[in-house]
Amino acid sequence: MKNVVICIVLCVSFFSVGFALQCYRCQKPEASCLQTCGKIEDSCLKLSDTGGTVLHQQCIQNVDCDISKLSHRFDVSDFKFHCCNTDLCNSGTVTALSKSLLSLITGLTVFWMCLM
């Protein structure tokens, strides 16, 4: 019975923890360029020129991921942009596992171990 109570407490405390979105804020995706987004910033932005050179990477509100808003904000006339909402998704490379998937797998593993 003691193990069940401990497992329940661990599971509840584990899933109650929130994660802030992380985005790259640099020219090259390196660990030193990570930015933790604020409460209202729910997306990552990668803005590039038409040749593919990255001009801006940062956290942004999803409602601002609009071509007219971005052209005024960054004073760039001809560009491509990508907005996304998973950790480090604005790197241009595929990221391994998102925190939410990792949390789910870890939580299920803890739960399974408690049943044994």
N, C-alpha and C. Protein backbone atom coordinates (compact mmCIF):
# COMPACT_ATOMS: atom_id res chain seq x y z
N MET A 1 0.83 -1.19 0.00
CA MET A 1 0.00 0.00 0.00
C MET A 1 0.87 1.26 0.00
N LYS A 2 1.98 1.18 0.71
CA LYS A 2 2.89 2.32 0.79
C LYS A 2 3.45 2.66 -0.60
N ASN A 3 3.80 1.64 -1.38
CA ASN A 3 4.33 1.86 -2.72
C ASN A 3 3.30 2.51 -3.63
N VAL A 4 2.04 2.13 -3.50
CA VAL A 4 0.98 2.71 -4.33
C VAL A 4 0.84 4.19 -4.03
N VAL A 5 0.86 4.56 -2.76
CA VAL A 5 0.74 5.97 -2.36
C VAL A 5 1.92 6.78 -2.90
N ILE A 6 3.11 6.23 -2.78
CA ILE A 6 4.30 6.91 -3.30
C ILE A 6 4.20 7.09 -4.81
N CYS A 7 3.75 6.07 -5.52
CA CYS A 7 3.61 6.16 -6.97
C CYS A 7 2.58 7.21 -7.37
N ILE A 8 1.47 7.26 -6.65
CA ILE A 8 0.44 8.25 -6.97
C ILE A 8 0.97 9.66 -6.74
N VAL A 9 1.67 9.87 -5.64
CA VAL A 9 2.24 11.19 -5.35
C VAL A 9 3.25 11.58 -6.43
N LEU A 10 4.11 10.64 -6.82
CA LEU A 10 5.09 10.92 -7.87
C LEU A 10 4.42 11.25 -9.19
N CYS A 11 3.42 10.49 -9.57
CA CYS A 11 2.72 10.72 -10.84
C CYS A 11 2.01 12.07 -10.85
N VAL A 12 1.33 12.39 -9.76
CA VAL A 12 0.61 13.67 -9.70
C VAL A 12 1.59 14.84 -9.74
N SER A 13 2.68 14.75 -8.98
CA SER A 13 3.64 15.85 -8.97
C SER A 13 4.36 15.95 -10.31
N PHE A 14 4.60 14.82 -10.95
CA PHE A 14 5.29 14.83 -12.24
C PHE A 14 4.46 15.50 -13.31
N PHE A 15 3.16 15.16 -13.38
CA PHE A 15 2.31 15.70 -14.44
C PHE A 15 1.81 17.10 -14.14
N SER A 16 1.96 17.58 -12.91
CA SER A 16 1.51 18.93 -12.61
C SER A 16 2.56 19.97 -12.98
N VAL A 17 3.78 19.54 -13.26
CA VAL A 17 4.83 20.47 -13.63
C VAL A 17 4.60 20.95 -15.06
N GLY A 18 4.64 22.25 -15.26
CA GLY A 18 4.46 22.81 -16.59
C GLY A 18 5.81 23.06 -17.25
N PHE A 19 5.81 23.07 -18.55
CA PHE A 19 7.03 23.33 -19.29
C PHE A 19 6.86 24.58 -20.12
N ALA A 20 7.85 25.45 -20.11
CA ALA A 20 7.83 26.62 -20.97
C ALA A 20 8.44 26.24 -22.31
N LEU A 21 7.91 26.83 -23.35
CA LEU A 21 8.42 26.58 -24.69
C LEU A 21 9.83 27.14 -24.82
N GLN A 22 10.70 26.42 -25.51
CA GLN A 22 12.05 26.90 -25.80
C GLN A 22 12.22 27.03 -27.30
N CYS A 23 12.86 28.13 -27.70
CA CYS A 23 13.13 28.39 -29.12
C CYS A 23 14.59 28.81 -29.28
N TYR A 24 15.09 28.67 -30.51
CA TYR A 24 16.40 29.21 -30.81
C TYR A 24 16.27 30.70 -31.06
N ARG A 25 17.29 31.45 -30.63
CA ARG A 25 17.34 32.89 -30.87
C ARG A 25 18.76 33.21 -31.32
N CYS A 26 19.11 32.77 -32.52
CA CYS A 26 20.46 32.98 -33.02
C CYS A 26 20.51 32.62 -34.50
N GLN A 27 21.69 32.78 -35.10
CA GLN A 27 21.86 32.43 -36.50
C GLN A 27 22.09 30.94 -36.69
N LYS A 28 22.80 30.31 -35.76
CA LYS A 28 23.07 28.87 -35.86
C LYS A 28 22.50 28.20 -34.62
N PRO A 29 21.81 27.06 -34.78
CA PRO A 29 21.22 26.39 -33.62
C PRO A 29 22.27 25.78 -32.70
N GLU A 30 22.61 26.51 -31.64
CA GLU A 30 23.57 26.04 -30.66
C GLU A 30 22.93 26.16 -29.28
N ALA A 31 23.46 25.45 -28.33
CA ALA A 31 22.87 25.47 -26.98
C ALA A 31 22.90 26.86 -26.37
N SER A 32 23.91 27.66 -26.68
CA SER A 32 24.02 29.00 -26.10
C SER A 32 22.97 29.95 -26.65
N CYS A 33 22.26 29.56 -27.67
CA CYS A 33 21.27 30.42 -28.30
C CYS A 33 19.84 30.10 -27.87
N LEU A 34 19.67 29.28 -26.87
CA LEU A 34 18.32 28.90 -26.45
C LEU A 34 17.64 30.04 -25.72
N GLN A 35 16.35 30.19 -25.97
CA GLN A 35 15.54 31.20 -25.32
C GLN A 35 14.31 30.51 -24.73
N THR A 36 14.03 30.76 -23.47
CA THR A 36 12.80 30.27 -22.85
C THR A 36 11.73 31.33 -23.07
N CYS A 37 10.64 30.94 -23.67
CA CYS A 37 9.59 31.89 -24.04
C CYS A 37 8.80 32.34 -22.82
N GLY A 38 8.25 33.53 -22.93
CA GLY A 38 7.39 34.06 -21.88
C GLY A 38 6.02 33.40 -21.93
N LYS A 39 5.17 33.78 -20.97
CA LYS A 39 3.85 33.15 -20.85
C LYS A 39 2.98 33.34 -22.08
N ILE A 40 3.06 34.50 -22.72
CA ILE A 40 2.18 34.77 -23.87
C ILE A 40 2.80 34.35 -25.19
N GLU A 41 4.07 34.00 -25.18
CA GLU A 41 4.73 33.58 -26.42
C GLU A 41 4.55 32.07 -26.57
N ASP A 42 3.69 31.68 -27.49
CA ASP A 42 3.32 30.28 -27.64
C ASP A 42 3.86 29.63 -28.90
N SER A 43 4.77 30.32 -29.60
CA SER A 43 5.31 29.80 -30.86
C SER A 43 6.77 30.19 -31.01
N CYS A 44 7.46 29.47 -31.88
CA CYS A 44 8.82 29.81 -32.28
C CYS A 44 8.76 30.31 -33.72
N LEU A 45 9.61 31.25 -34.04
CA LEU A 45 9.66 31.83 -35.38
C LEU A 45 11.04 31.63 -35.98
N LYS A 46 11.06 31.27 -37.26
CA LYS A 46 12.29 31.31 -38.04
C LYS A 46 11.96 32.10 -39.29
N LEU A 47 12.64 33.22 -39.47
CA LEU A 47 12.42 34.10 -40.62
C LEU A 47 13.69 34.10 -41.47
N SER A 48 13.56 33.79 -42.76
CA SER A 48 14.71 33.68 -43.66
C SER A 48 14.49 34.54 -44.89
N ASP A 49 15.60 34.92 -45.53
CA ASP A 49 15.44 35.58 -46.83
C ASP A 49 15.12 34.51 -47.87
N THR A 50 14.83 34.92 -49.09
CA THR A 50 14.42 33.95 -50.11
C THR A 50 15.53 32.99 -50.50
N GLY A 51 16.77 33.33 -50.17
CA GLY A 51 17.89 32.44 -50.43
C GLY A 51 18.10 31.40 -49.35
N GLY A 52 17.36 31.52 -48.26
CA GLY A 52 17.45 30.55 -47.18
C GLY A 52 18.30 30.99 -46.00
N THR A 53 18.91 32.18 -46.08
CA THR A 53 19.70 32.68 -44.95
C THR A 53 18.78 33.08 -43.81
N VAL A 54 19.02 32.54 -42.64
CA VAL A 54 18.18 32.84 -41.48
C VAL A 54 18.47 34.26 -41.01
N LEU A 55 17.40 35.05 -40.91
CA LEU A 55 17.52 36.43 -40.47
C LEU A 55 17.14 36.59 -39.00
N HIS A 56 16.11 35.88 -38.56
CA HIS A 56 15.64 35.98 -37.18
C HIS A 56 15.12 34.62 -36.71
N GLN A 57 15.44 34.31 -35.47
CA GLN A 57 14.87 33.16 -34.77
C GLN A 57 14.52 33.64 -33.37
N GLN A 58 13.30 33.35 -32.93
CA GLN A 58 12.89 33.83 -31.62
C GLN A 58 11.54 33.27 -31.20
N CYS A 59 11.15 33.57 -29.96
CA CYS A 59 9.81 33.28 -29.48
C CYS A 59 8.86 34.35 -30.01
N ILE A 60 7.61 33.97 -30.22
CA ILE A 60 6.63 34.90 -30.75
C ILE A 60 5.23 34.41 -30.38
N GLN A 61 4.27 35.31 -30.38
CA GLN A 61 2.88 34.90 -30.22
C GLN A 61 2.38 34.36 -31.55
N ASN A 62 1.60 33.31 -31.51
CA ASN A 62 1.10 32.69 -32.73
C ASN A 62 0.26 33.67 -33.55
N VAL A 63 -0.46 34.56 -32.89
CA VAL A 63 -1.29 35.53 -33.62
C VAL A 63 -0.45 36.50 -34.44
N ASP A 64 0.84 36.62 -34.12
CA ASP A 64 1.74 37.50 -34.88
C ASP A 64 2.44 36.78 -36.03
N CYS A 65 2.17 35.50 -36.20
CA CYS A 65 2.76 34.73 -37.30
C CYS A 65 1.93 34.96 -38.56
N ASP A 66 2.04 36.15 -39.05
CA ASP A 66 1.27 36.61 -40.21
C ASP A 66 2.22 37.42 -41.08
N ILE A 67 2.17 37.22 -42.39
CA ILE A 67 3.13 37.86 -43.28
C ILE A 67 3.10 39.38 -43.19
N SER A 68 1.93 39.98 -43.05
CA SER A 68 1.87 41.44 -42.97
C SER A 68 2.41 41.95 -41.64
N LYS A 69 2.10 41.26 -40.55
CA LYS A 69 2.63 41.67 -39.24
C LYS A 69 4.14 41.51 -39.18
N LEU A 70 4.65 40.41 -39.72
CA LEU A 70 6.09 40.17 -39.69
C LEU A 70 6.85 41.15 -40.56
N SER A 71 6.30 41.51 -41.72
CA SER A 71 6.99 42.46 -42.60
C SER A 71 7.10 43.84 -41.96
N HIS A 72 6.10 44.23 -41.19
CA HIS A 72 6.17 45.51 -40.47
C HIS A 72 7.12 45.42 -39.28
N ARG A 73 7.07 44.32 -38.59
CA ARG A 73 7.87 44.15 -37.38
C ARG A 73 9.36 44.08 -37.67
N PHE A 74 9.74 43.40 -38.75
CA PHE A 74 11.15 43.19 -39.04
C PHE A 74 11.67 44.04 -40.20
N ASP A 75 10.81 44.82 -40.81
CA ASP A 75 11.20 45.70 -41.91
C ASP A 75 11.98 44.95 -42.99
N VAL A 76 11.41 43.83 -43.41
CA VAL A 76 11.99 43.00 -44.46
C VAL A 76 10.94 42.86 -45.55
N SER A 77 11.35 43.01 -46.81
CA SER A 77 10.35 42.99 -47.88
C SER A 77 10.10 41.60 -48.46
N ASP A 78 11.14 40.83 -48.71
CA ASP A 78 10.99 39.54 -49.37
C ASP A 78 11.56 38.45 -48.47
N PHE A 79 10.71 37.63 -47.87
CA PHE A 79 11.17 36.65 -46.90
C PHE A 79 10.25 35.44 -46.85
N LYS A 80 10.77 34.38 -46.21
CA LYS A 80 9.98 33.19 -45.88
C LYS A 80 9.97 33.09 -44.37
N PHE A 81 8.89 32.51 -43.82
CA PHE A 81 8.87 32.33 -42.37
C PHE A 81 8.21 31.01 -42.01
N HIS A 82 8.56 30.55 -40.83
CA HIS A 82 8.00 29.31 -40.31
C HIS A 82 7.72 29.52 -38.83
N CYS A 83 6.49 29.31 -38.42
CA CYS A 83 6.10 29.36 -37.01
C CYS A 83 5.69 27.96 -36.58
N CYS A 84 6.09 27.58 -35.37
CA CYS A 84 5.81 26.24 -34.86
C CYS A 84 5.67 26.32 -33.35
N ASN A 85 5.20 25.25 -32.72
CA ASN A 85 4.92 25.35 -31.29
C ASN A 85 5.45 24.18 -30.46
N THR A 86 6.56 23.61 -30.88
CA THR A 86 7.23 22.60 -30.07
C THR A 86 8.65 23.07 -29.78
N ASP A 87 9.25 22.53 -28.74
CA ASP A 87 10.58 22.97 -28.33
C ASP A 87 11.59 22.89 -29.46
N LEU A 88 12.30 23.98 -29.65
CA LEU A 88 13.42 24.09 -30.59
C LEU A 88 13.03 23.74 -32.02
N CYS A 89 11.79 23.98 -32.37
CA CYS A 89 11.31 23.63 -33.71
C CYS A 89 11.73 24.65 -34.76
N ASN A 90 12.31 25.77 -34.37
CA ASN A 90 12.70 26.78 -35.35
C ASN A 90 14.18 26.68 -35.73
N SER A 91 14.74 25.48 -35.63
CA SER A 91 16.16 25.30 -35.94
C SER A 91 16.42 25.00 -37.40
N GLY A 92 15.46 24.44 -38.07
CA GLY A 92 15.68 24.00 -39.44
C GLY A 92 16.11 22.55 -39.50
N THR A 93 16.38 21.96 -38.34
CA THR A 93 16.71 20.54 -38.28
C THR A 93 15.63 19.83 -37.48
N VAL A 94 15.54 18.54 -37.65
CA VAL A 94 14.53 17.76 -36.95
C VAL A 94 15.01 17.53 -35.52
N THR A 95 14.15 17.84 -34.54
CA THR A 95 14.49 17.59 -33.15
C THR A 95 14.04 16.19 -32.77
N ALA A 96 14.70 15.61 -31.80
CA ALA A 96 14.43 14.22 -31.44
C ALA A 96 13.06 14.05 -30.81
N LEU A 97 12.93 14.25 -29.53
CA LEU A 97 11.67 14.05 -28.83
C LEU A 97 11.25 15.36 -28.18
N SER A 98 10.00 15.66 -28.26
CA SER A 98 9.51 16.84 -27.56
C SER A 98 9.38 16.53 -26.08
N LYS A 99 9.33 17.58 -25.26
CA LYS A 99 9.21 17.37 -23.82
C LYS A 99 7.91 16.69 -23.46
N SER A 100 6.85 17.00 -24.17
CA SER A 100 5.57 16.39 -23.83
C SER A 100 5.59 14.89 -24.10
N LEU A 101 6.17 14.46 -25.20
CA LEU A 101 6.27 13.03 -25.49
C LEU A 101 7.19 12.35 -24.48
N LEU A 102 8.29 12.99 -24.17
CA LEU A 102 9.21 12.44 -23.18
C LEU A 102 8.53 12.33 -21.82
N SER A 103 7.74 13.33 -21.46
CA SER A 103 7.00 13.30 -20.19
C SER A 103 6.01 12.15 -20.17
N LEU A 104 5.30 11.95 -21.27
CA LEU A 104 4.33 10.87 -21.35
C LEU A 104 5.01 9.51 -21.19
N ILE A 105 6.09 9.31 -21.90
CA ILE A 105 6.81 8.03 -21.83
C ILE A 105 7.34 7.79 -20.41
N THR A 106 7.92 8.83 -19.81
CA THR A 106 8.44 8.69 -18.45
C THR A 106 7.33 8.42 -17.46
N GLY A 107 6.22 9.13 -17.59
CA GLY A 107 5.09 8.92 -16.69
C GLY A 107 4.52 7.52 -16.79
N LEU A 108 4.38 7.03 -18.01
CA LEU A 108 3.87 5.67 -18.21
C LEU A 108 4.84 4.63 -17.64
N THR A 109 6.13 4.89 -17.78
CA THR A 109 7.13 3.98 -17.23
C THR A 109 7.05 3.93 -15.71
N VAL A 110 6.94 5.12 -15.09
CA VAL A 110 6.81 5.18 -13.62
C VAL A 110 5.55 4.44 -13.18
N PHE A 111 4.44 4.68 -13.87
CA PHE A 111 3.18 4.03 -13.53
C PHE A 111 3.30 2.52 -13.65
N TRP A 112 3.91 2.05 -14.74
CA TRP A 112 4.08 0.61 -14.96
C TRP A 112 4.96 -0.01 -13.87
N MET A 113 6.03 0.72 -13.48
CA MET A 113 6.92 0.21 -12.45
C MET A 113 6.21 0.13 -11.10
N CYS A 114 5.29 1.05 -10.85
CA CYS A 114 4.54 1.03 -9.59
C CYS A 114 3.60 -0.17 -9.51
N LEU A 115 3.13 -0.62 -10.65
CA LEU A 115 2.21 -1.76 -10.67
C LEU A 115 2.92 -3.08 -10.42
N MET A 116 4.20 -3.11 -10.65
CA MET A 116 4.95 -4.36 -10.51
C MET A 116 5.24 -4.68 -9.08
